């Protein structure tokens, strides 16, 4: 005769398996960029900008009423100076009012990752990349 499991074994399996399943789903959402961060207008603007510039193209035009400081070096030129073509990964970001800073890793083909800080300004609903420099800004995750 086969061994018969009680209801307790099923509950134990459910109690262990369900939290693991939930954790796996949360991690998949966070690491694939489809969570709240992926829906951020700031992050979408950075992604659009870096996909164009990283593909070797010119920087997207600034939005109407751009509030980037005049006379600043072109951030696309600074990025192309680091690598003519690259992929990217947003590491962290912070925003306050109409200003934001985004830490990004550039991933040139066959090269090492390059830590870059992008500074952005918002005009209405449009974010413009105003400055790019190597390095990181310390951003408290809490």
N, C-alpha and C. Protein backbone atom coordinates (compact mmCIF):
# COMPACT_ATOMS: atom_id res chain seq x y z
N UNK A 1 0.83 -1.17 0.00
CA UNK A 1 0.00 0.00 0.00
C UNK A 1 0.87 1.23 0.00
N UNK A 2 0.38 2.23 -0.67
CA UNK A 2 1.10 3.50 -0.74
C UNK A 2 0.91 4.29 0.54
N UNK A 3 1.90 5.11 0.81
CA UNK A 3 1.83 5.96 1.98
C UNK A 3 0.88 7.11 1.71
N UNK A 4 0.09 7.46 2.68
CA UNK A 4 -0.89 8.51 2.52
C UNK A 4 -0.42 9.74 3.28
N UNK A 5 -0.43 10.88 2.60
CA UNK A 5 -0.02 12.14 3.22
C UNK A 5 -1.22 12.79 3.86
N UNK A 6 -0.99 13.41 4.96
CA UNK A 6 -2.04 14.14 5.63
C UNK A 6 -2.17 15.54 5.06
N UNK A 7 -3.19 16.24 5.48
CA UNK A 7 -3.42 17.60 5.03
C UNK A 7 -2.29 18.53 5.45
N UNK A 8 -1.61 18.17 6.54
CA UNK A 8 -0.52 19.01 7.04
C UNK A 8 0.63 19.11 6.06
N UNK A 9 0.94 18.04 5.34
CA UNK A 9 2.04 18.06 4.37
C UNK A 9 1.72 19.03 3.24
N UNK A 10 0.50 19.04 2.81
CA UNK A 10 0.10 19.96 1.74
C UNK A 10 0.19 21.41 2.19
N UNK A 11 -0.19 21.67 3.44
CA UNK A 11 -0.11 23.04 3.96
C UNK A 11 1.33 23.50 4.11
N UNK A 12 2.20 22.58 4.52
CA UNK A 12 3.62 22.92 4.64
C UNK A 12 4.19 23.27 3.27
N UNK A 13 3.87 22.46 2.28
CA UNK A 13 4.35 22.72 0.91
C UNK A 13 3.84 24.07 0.42
N UNK A 14 2.60 24.39 0.67
CA UNK A 14 2.01 25.66 0.27
C UNK A 14 2.67 26.81 1.03
N UNK A 15 2.90 26.63 2.33
CA UNK A 15 3.50 27.68 3.16
C UNK A 15 4.93 27.99 2.72
N UNK A 16 5.65 27.01 2.20
CA UNK A 16 7.01 27.22 1.74
C UNK A 16 7.02 27.68 0.29
N UNK A 17 6.21 27.07 -0.53
CA UNK A 17 6.23 27.35 -1.97
C UNK A 17 5.65 28.70 -2.35
N UNK A 18 4.58 29.12 -1.70
CA UNK A 18 3.93 30.38 -2.07
C UNK A 18 4.84 31.59 -1.87
N UNK A 19 5.51 31.73 -0.72
CA UNK A 19 6.44 32.87 -0.58
C UNK A 19 7.58 32.84 -1.59
N UNK A 20 8.06 31.65 -1.93
CA UNK A 20 9.12 31.55 -2.93
C UNK A 20 8.61 31.99 -4.31
N UNK A 21 7.41 31.62 -4.65
CA UNK A 21 6.82 32.02 -5.92
C UNK A 21 6.64 33.54 -5.97
N UNK A 22 6.12 34.11 -4.91
CA UNK A 22 5.92 35.56 -4.86
C UNK A 22 7.27 36.27 -4.97
N UNK A 23 8.28 35.80 -4.27
CA UNK A 23 9.61 36.41 -4.33
C UNK A 23 10.18 36.34 -5.75
N UNK A 24 9.99 35.23 -6.42
CA UNK A 24 10.48 35.08 -7.80
C UNK A 24 9.78 36.05 -8.74
N UNK A 25 8.49 36.24 -8.56
CA UNK A 25 7.75 37.18 -9.42
C UNK A 25 8.22 38.61 -9.16
N UNK A 26 8.38 38.97 -7.90
CA UNK A 26 8.84 40.32 -7.56
C UNK A 26 10.22 40.56 -8.16
N UNK A 27 11.14 39.62 -8.03
CA UNK A 27 12.48 39.78 -8.57
C UNK A 27 12.44 39.89 -10.09
N UNK A 28 11.61 39.12 -10.75
CA UNK A 28 11.50 39.20 -12.21
C UNK A 28 11.00 40.57 -12.64
N UNK A 29 10.05 41.12 -11.94
CA UNK A 29 9.52 42.45 -12.27
C UNK A 29 10.58 43.51 -12.04
N UNK A 30 11.29 43.44 -10.93
CA UNK A 30 12.31 44.44 -10.63
C UNK A 30 13.45 44.37 -11.63
N UNK A 31 13.97 43.18 -11.91
CA UNK A 31 15.14 43.07 -12.75
C UNK A 31 14.85 43.16 -14.24
N UNK A 32 13.63 43.03 -14.67
CA UNK A 32 13.33 43.19 -16.09
C UNK A 32 12.88 44.59 -16.40
N UNK A 33 12.77 45.45 -15.40
CA UNK A 33 12.41 46.83 -15.67
C UNK A 33 10.94 47.04 -15.95
N UNK A 34 10.10 46.06 -15.63
CA UNK A 34 8.68 46.23 -15.92
C UNK A 34 7.91 46.67 -14.69
N UNK A 35 8.62 46.92 -13.60
CA UNK A 35 7.96 47.37 -12.39
C UNK A 35 7.72 48.86 -12.43
N UNK A 36 7.47 49.46 -11.29
CA UNK A 36 7.18 50.87 -11.18
C UNK A 36 8.31 51.71 -11.76
N UNK A 37 9.55 51.30 -11.53
CA UNK A 37 10.69 52.03 -12.05
C UNK A 37 10.63 52.09 -13.57
N UNK A 38 10.27 50.99 -14.22
CA UNK A 38 10.19 50.94 -15.67
C UNK A 38 9.13 51.86 -16.23
N UNK A 39 8.16 52.23 -15.43
CA UNK A 39 7.08 53.10 -15.90
C UNK A 39 7.36 54.58 -15.62
N UNK A 40 8.45 54.88 -14.95
CA UNK A 40 8.78 56.25 -14.59
C UNK A 40 9.04 57.08 -15.85
N UNK A 41 8.40 58.25 -15.97
CA UNK A 41 8.68 59.12 -17.13
C UNK A 41 10.15 59.52 -17.20
N UNK A 42 10.78 59.69 -16.04
CA UNK A 42 12.21 60.02 -16.01
C UNK A 42 13.02 58.91 -16.63
N UNK A 43 12.78 57.67 -16.23
CA UNK A 43 13.54 56.54 -16.75
C UNK A 43 13.24 56.30 -18.22
N UNK A 44 12.01 56.50 -18.64
CA UNK A 44 11.68 56.35 -20.06
C UNK A 44 12.45 57.38 -20.89
N UNK A 45 12.55 58.62 -20.39
CA UNK A 45 13.29 59.66 -21.10
C UNK A 45 14.77 59.31 -21.21
N UNK A 46 15.35 58.80 -20.12
CA UNK A 46 16.76 58.40 -20.13
C UNK A 46 16.96 57.24 -21.10
N UNK A 47 16.08 56.24 -21.06
CA UNK A 47 16.19 55.11 -21.98
C UNK A 47 16.14 55.58 -23.44
N UNK A 48 15.17 56.42 -23.78
CA UNK A 48 15.05 56.91 -25.16
C UNK A 48 16.32 57.65 -25.58
N UNK A 49 16.80 58.51 -24.71
CA UNK A 49 17.99 59.30 -25.01
C UNK A 49 19.19 58.39 -25.24
N UNK A 50 19.45 57.47 -24.30
CA UNK A 50 20.63 56.62 -24.40
C UNK A 50 20.54 55.58 -25.51
N UNK A 51 19.34 55.13 -25.84
CA UNK A 51 19.20 54.19 -26.96
C UNK A 51 19.60 54.87 -28.26
N UNK A 52 19.21 56.14 -28.43
CA UNK A 52 19.56 56.88 -29.64
C UNK A 52 21.06 57.20 -29.67
N UNK A 53 21.56 57.80 -28.60
CA UNK A 53 22.98 58.19 -28.54
C UNK A 53 23.88 56.95 -28.55
N UNK A 54 23.50 55.91 -27.79
CA UNK A 54 24.29 54.69 -27.73
C UNK A 54 24.34 53.94 -29.04
N UNK A 55 23.34 54.16 -29.89
CA UNK A 55 23.34 53.55 -31.22
C UNK A 55 24.18 54.31 -32.22
N UNK A 56 24.84 55.39 -31.76
CA UNK A 56 25.71 56.18 -32.63
C UNK A 56 25.03 57.41 -33.21
N UNK A 57 23.78 57.62 -32.86
CA UNK A 57 23.04 58.75 -33.41
C UNK A 57 23.22 60.03 -32.62
N UNK A 58 22.68 61.11 -33.16
CA UNK A 58 22.74 62.38 -32.45
C UNK A 58 21.75 62.38 -31.29
N UNK A 59 21.94 63.30 -30.38
CA UNK A 59 21.03 63.41 -29.24
C UNK A 59 19.65 63.81 -29.72
N UNK A 60 18.62 63.25 -29.11
CA UNK A 60 17.26 63.70 -29.44
C UNK A 60 17.13 65.20 -29.14
N UNK A 61 16.32 65.87 -29.91
CA UNK A 61 16.13 67.31 -29.71
C UNK A 61 15.53 67.59 -28.35
N UNK A 62 15.95 68.68 -27.75
CA UNK A 62 15.39 69.10 -26.46
C UNK A 62 13.92 69.44 -26.65
N UNK A 63 13.17 69.25 -25.59
CA UNK A 63 11.74 69.53 -25.63
C UNK A 63 11.46 71.03 -25.72
N UNK A 64 10.22 71.38 -26.05
CA UNK A 64 9.87 72.79 -26.10
C UNK A 64 10.02 73.42 -24.72
N UNK A 65 10.62 74.58 -24.67
CA UNK A 65 10.81 75.25 -23.39
C UNK A 65 11.88 74.61 -22.54
N UNK A 66 12.87 73.95 -23.16
CA UNK A 66 13.93 73.29 -22.40
C UNK A 66 14.57 74.26 -21.43
N UNK A 67 14.84 73.78 -20.23
CA UNK A 67 15.45 74.61 -19.19
C UNK A 67 16.88 74.18 -18.86
N UNK A 68 17.54 73.49 -19.80
CA UNK A 68 18.94 73.14 -19.61
C UNK A 68 19.76 74.42 -19.62
N UNK A 69 20.77 74.48 -18.76
CA UNK A 69 21.62 75.67 -18.72
C UNK A 69 22.31 75.90 -20.07
N UNK A 70 22.30 77.12 -20.53
CA UNK A 70 22.96 77.44 -21.80
C UNK A 70 24.48 77.38 -21.66
N UNK A 71 25.14 77.06 -22.74
CA UNK A 71 26.59 77.03 -22.75
C UNK A 71 27.22 75.77 -22.22
N UNK A 72 26.42 74.84 -21.70
CA UNK A 72 26.97 73.59 -21.18
C UNK A 72 27.39 72.70 -22.36
N UNK A 73 28.45 71.89 -22.19
CA UNK A 73 28.84 70.97 -23.27
C UNK A 73 27.69 70.02 -23.60
N UNK A 74 27.63 69.61 -24.85
CA UNK A 74 26.59 68.68 -25.30
C UNK A 74 26.81 67.33 -24.62
N UNK A 75 25.81 66.83 -23.87
CA UNK A 75 26.00 65.55 -23.18
C UNK A 75 26.23 64.39 -24.14
N UNK A 76 25.65 64.44 -25.34
CA UNK A 76 25.86 63.37 -26.31
C UNK A 76 27.32 63.32 -26.74
N UNK A 77 27.96 64.49 -26.91
CA UNK A 77 29.38 64.51 -27.26
C UNK A 77 30.21 63.88 -26.15
N UNK A 78 29.87 64.19 -24.90
CA UNK A 78 30.60 63.60 -23.76
C UNK A 78 30.44 62.08 -23.76
N UNK A 79 29.24 61.59 -24.02
CA UNK A 79 29.00 60.15 -24.03
C UNK A 79 29.72 59.49 -25.20
N UNK A 80 29.64 60.10 -26.39
CA UNK A 80 30.35 59.53 -27.55
C UNK A 80 31.86 59.55 -27.33
N UNK A 81 32.37 60.49 -26.53
CA UNK A 81 33.79 60.52 -26.20
C UNK A 81 34.20 59.33 -25.34
N UNK A 82 33.26 58.81 -24.57
CA UNK A 82 33.53 57.63 -23.74
C UNK A 82 33.44 56.35 -24.55
N UNK A 83 32.48 56.29 -25.46
CA UNK A 83 32.27 55.11 -26.30
C UNK A 83 31.38 55.53 -27.47
N UNK A 84 31.79 55.25 -28.71
CA UNK A 84 30.97 55.66 -29.85
C UNK A 84 29.60 54.96 -29.87
N UNK A 85 29.57 53.71 -29.41
CA UNK A 85 28.32 52.93 -29.34
C UNK A 85 28.31 52.18 -28.01
N UNK A 86 27.14 52.08 -27.42
CA UNK A 86 27.05 51.42 -26.13
C UNK A 86 25.61 51.05 -25.81
N UNK A 87 25.48 50.08 -24.92
CA UNK A 87 24.20 49.78 -24.29
C UNK A 87 24.20 50.50 -22.95
N UNK A 88 23.14 50.35 -22.21
CA UNK A 88 23.10 51.03 -20.91
C UNK A 88 22.19 50.29 -19.93
N UNK A 89 22.41 50.62 -18.65
CA UNK A 89 21.59 50.10 -17.56
C UNK A 89 21.44 51.21 -16.53
N UNK A 90 20.20 51.57 -16.20
CA UNK A 90 19.97 52.57 -15.17
C UNK A 90 20.21 51.91 -13.81
N UNK A 91 21.08 52.53 -13.01
CA UNK A 91 21.46 51.98 -11.72
C UNK A 91 20.58 52.57 -10.61
N UNK A 92 20.45 53.89 -10.59
CA UNK A 92 19.65 54.55 -9.56
C UNK A 92 19.33 55.96 -10.04
N UNK A 93 18.36 56.58 -9.38
CA UNK A 93 18.00 57.94 -9.75
C UNK A 93 17.36 58.65 -8.57
N UNK A 94 17.37 59.97 -8.66
CA UNK A 94 16.68 60.79 -7.68
C UNK A 94 16.16 62.02 -8.41
N UNK A 95 15.02 62.50 -7.97
CA UNK A 95 14.50 63.72 -8.55
C UNK A 95 13.94 64.61 -7.46
N UNK A 96 14.05 65.90 -7.70
CA UNK A 96 13.55 66.89 -6.77
C UNK A 96 12.98 68.03 -7.60
N UNK A 97 11.67 68.17 -7.55
CA UNK A 97 11.04 69.20 -8.37
C UNK A 97 11.27 68.92 -9.84
N UNK A 98 11.89 69.87 -10.54
CA UNK A 98 12.12 69.74 -11.97
C UNK A 98 13.56 69.37 -12.31
N UNK A 99 14.30 68.85 -11.33
CA UNK A 99 15.69 68.42 -11.55
C UNK A 99 15.81 66.95 -11.17
N UNK A 100 16.71 66.26 -11.86
CA UNK A 100 16.93 64.84 -11.56
C UNK A 100 18.38 64.49 -11.85
N UNK A 101 18.85 63.46 -11.17
CA UNK A 101 20.17 62.87 -11.41
C UNK A 101 19.97 61.37 -11.56
N UNK A 102 20.61 60.79 -12.57
CA UNK A 102 20.46 59.37 -12.85
C UNK A 102 21.85 58.75 -13.01
N UNK A 103 22.13 57.74 -12.20
CA UNK A 103 23.36 56.95 -12.34
C UNK A 103 23.10 55.86 -13.36
N UNK A 104 24.01 55.76 -14.33
CA UNK A 104 23.86 54.81 -15.42
C UNK A 104 25.18 54.08 -15.63
N UNK A 105 25.10 52.81 -16.01
CA UNK A 105 26.27 52.08 -16.49
C UNK A 105 26.16 52.01 -18.00
N UNK A 106 27.18 52.53 -18.69
CA UNK A 106 27.27 52.34 -20.14
C UNK A 106 27.99 51.03 -20.37
N UNK A 107 27.56 50.28 -21.37
CA UNK A 107 28.17 48.99 -21.67
C UNK A 107 28.62 48.96 -23.13
N UNK A 108 29.85 49.46 -23.38
CA UNK A 108 30.37 49.41 -24.76
C UNK A 108 30.63 47.96 -25.16
N UNK A 109 30.48 47.67 -26.45
CA UNK A 109 30.74 46.32 -26.94
C UNK A 109 32.21 45.98 -26.71
N UNK A 110 32.46 44.88 -26.04
CA UNK A 110 33.81 44.42 -25.81
C UNK A 110 34.61 45.24 -24.81
N UNK A 111 33.95 46.16 -24.10
CA UNK A 111 34.68 46.98 -23.14
C UNK A 111 34.11 46.86 -21.75
N UNK A 112 34.78 47.51 -20.82
CA UNK A 112 34.32 47.52 -19.43
C UNK A 112 33.19 48.51 -19.26
N UNK A 113 32.36 48.27 -18.25
CA UNK A 113 31.27 49.20 -17.93
C UNK A 113 31.85 50.56 -17.53
N UNK A 114 31.11 51.60 -17.88
CA UNK A 114 31.53 52.96 -17.55
C UNK A 114 30.43 53.59 -16.71
N UNK A 115 30.77 54.02 -15.50
CA UNK A 115 29.80 54.68 -14.62
C UNK A 115 29.63 56.13 -15.07
N UNK A 116 28.37 56.51 -15.30
CA UNK A 116 28.06 57.85 -15.79
C UNK A 116 26.93 58.44 -14.96
N UNK A 117 27.02 59.74 -14.74
CA UNK A 117 25.96 60.50 -14.07
C UNK A 117 25.32 61.42 -15.10
N UNK A 118 24.01 61.31 -15.26
CA UNK A 118 23.25 62.20 -16.13
C UNK A 118 22.45 63.17 -15.27
N UNK A 119 22.48 64.43 -15.63
CA UNK A 119 21.67 65.43 -14.95
C UNK A 119 20.59 65.89 -15.92
N UNK A 120 19.36 65.90 -15.44
CA UNK A 120 18.22 66.23 -16.29
C UNK A 120 17.41 67.36 -15.69
N UNK A 121 16.67 68.05 -16.56
CA UNK A 121 15.73 69.09 -16.14
C UNK A 121 14.40 68.80 -16.83
N UNK A 122 13.32 69.12 -16.12
CA UNK A 122 11.98 68.88 -16.66
C UNK A 122 11.34 70.20 -17.03
N UNK A 123 10.72 70.20 -18.20
CA UNK A 123 9.91 71.32 -18.65
C UNK A 123 8.54 70.75 -18.99
N UNK A 124 7.55 71.08 -18.17
CA UNK A 124 6.23 70.46 -18.34
C UNK A 124 6.32 68.99 -18.01
N UNK A 125 6.01 68.15 -18.98
CA UNK A 125 6.09 66.69 -18.79
C UNK A 125 7.31 66.08 -19.47
N UNK A 126 8.17 66.92 -20.04
CA UNK A 126 9.31 66.44 -20.83
C UNK A 126 10.62 66.59 -20.05
N UNK A 127 11.38 65.49 -19.95
CA UNK A 127 12.70 65.50 -19.32
C UNK A 127 13.76 65.63 -20.40
N UNK A 128 14.72 66.55 -20.19
CA UNK A 128 15.85 66.72 -21.09
C UNK A 128 17.14 66.36 -20.37
N UNK A 129 18.02 65.61 -21.05
CA UNK A 129 19.35 65.32 -20.52
C UNK A 129 20.18 66.56 -20.78
N UNK A 130 20.65 67.18 -19.71
CA UNK A 130 21.40 68.44 -19.81
C UNK A 130 22.90 68.25 -19.68
N UNK A 131 23.34 67.31 -18.86
CA UNK A 131 24.78 67.11 -18.63
C UNK A 131 25.07 65.63 -18.44
N UNK A 132 26.28 65.25 -18.84
CA UNK A 132 26.76 63.88 -18.64
C UNK A 132 28.20 63.94 -18.17
N UNK A 133 28.51 63.18 -17.13
CA UNK A 133 29.88 63.13 -16.61
C UNK A 133 30.15 61.72 -16.08
N UNK A 134 31.42 61.38 -16.02
CA UNK A 134 31.76 60.06 -15.48
C UNK A 134 31.64 60.11 -13.96
N UNK A 135 31.35 58.97 -13.39
CA UNK A 135 31.24 58.86 -11.94
C UNK A 135 29.81 58.59 -11.48
N UNK A 136 29.61 58.70 -10.20
CA UNK A 136 28.32 58.39 -9.57
C UNK A 136 27.96 59.49 -8.59
N UNK A 137 26.68 59.65 -8.38
CA UNK A 137 26.15 60.46 -7.30
C UNK A 137 25.65 59.50 -6.24
N UNK A 138 25.95 59.76 -5.00
CA UNK A 138 25.46 58.92 -3.91
C UNK A 138 23.96 59.17 -3.77
N UNK A 139 23.17 58.13 -3.97
CA UNK A 139 21.72 58.23 -3.88
C UNK A 139 21.25 57.27 -2.82
N UNK A 140 20.61 57.79 -1.79
CA UNK A 140 20.10 56.98 -0.70
C UNK A 140 18.86 56.24 -1.18
N UNK A 141 18.85 54.90 -1.14
CA UNK A 141 17.71 54.15 -1.64
C UNK A 141 16.48 54.24 -0.74
N UNK A 142 16.59 54.84 0.43
CA UNK A 142 15.46 54.90 1.35
C UNK A 142 14.84 56.26 1.38
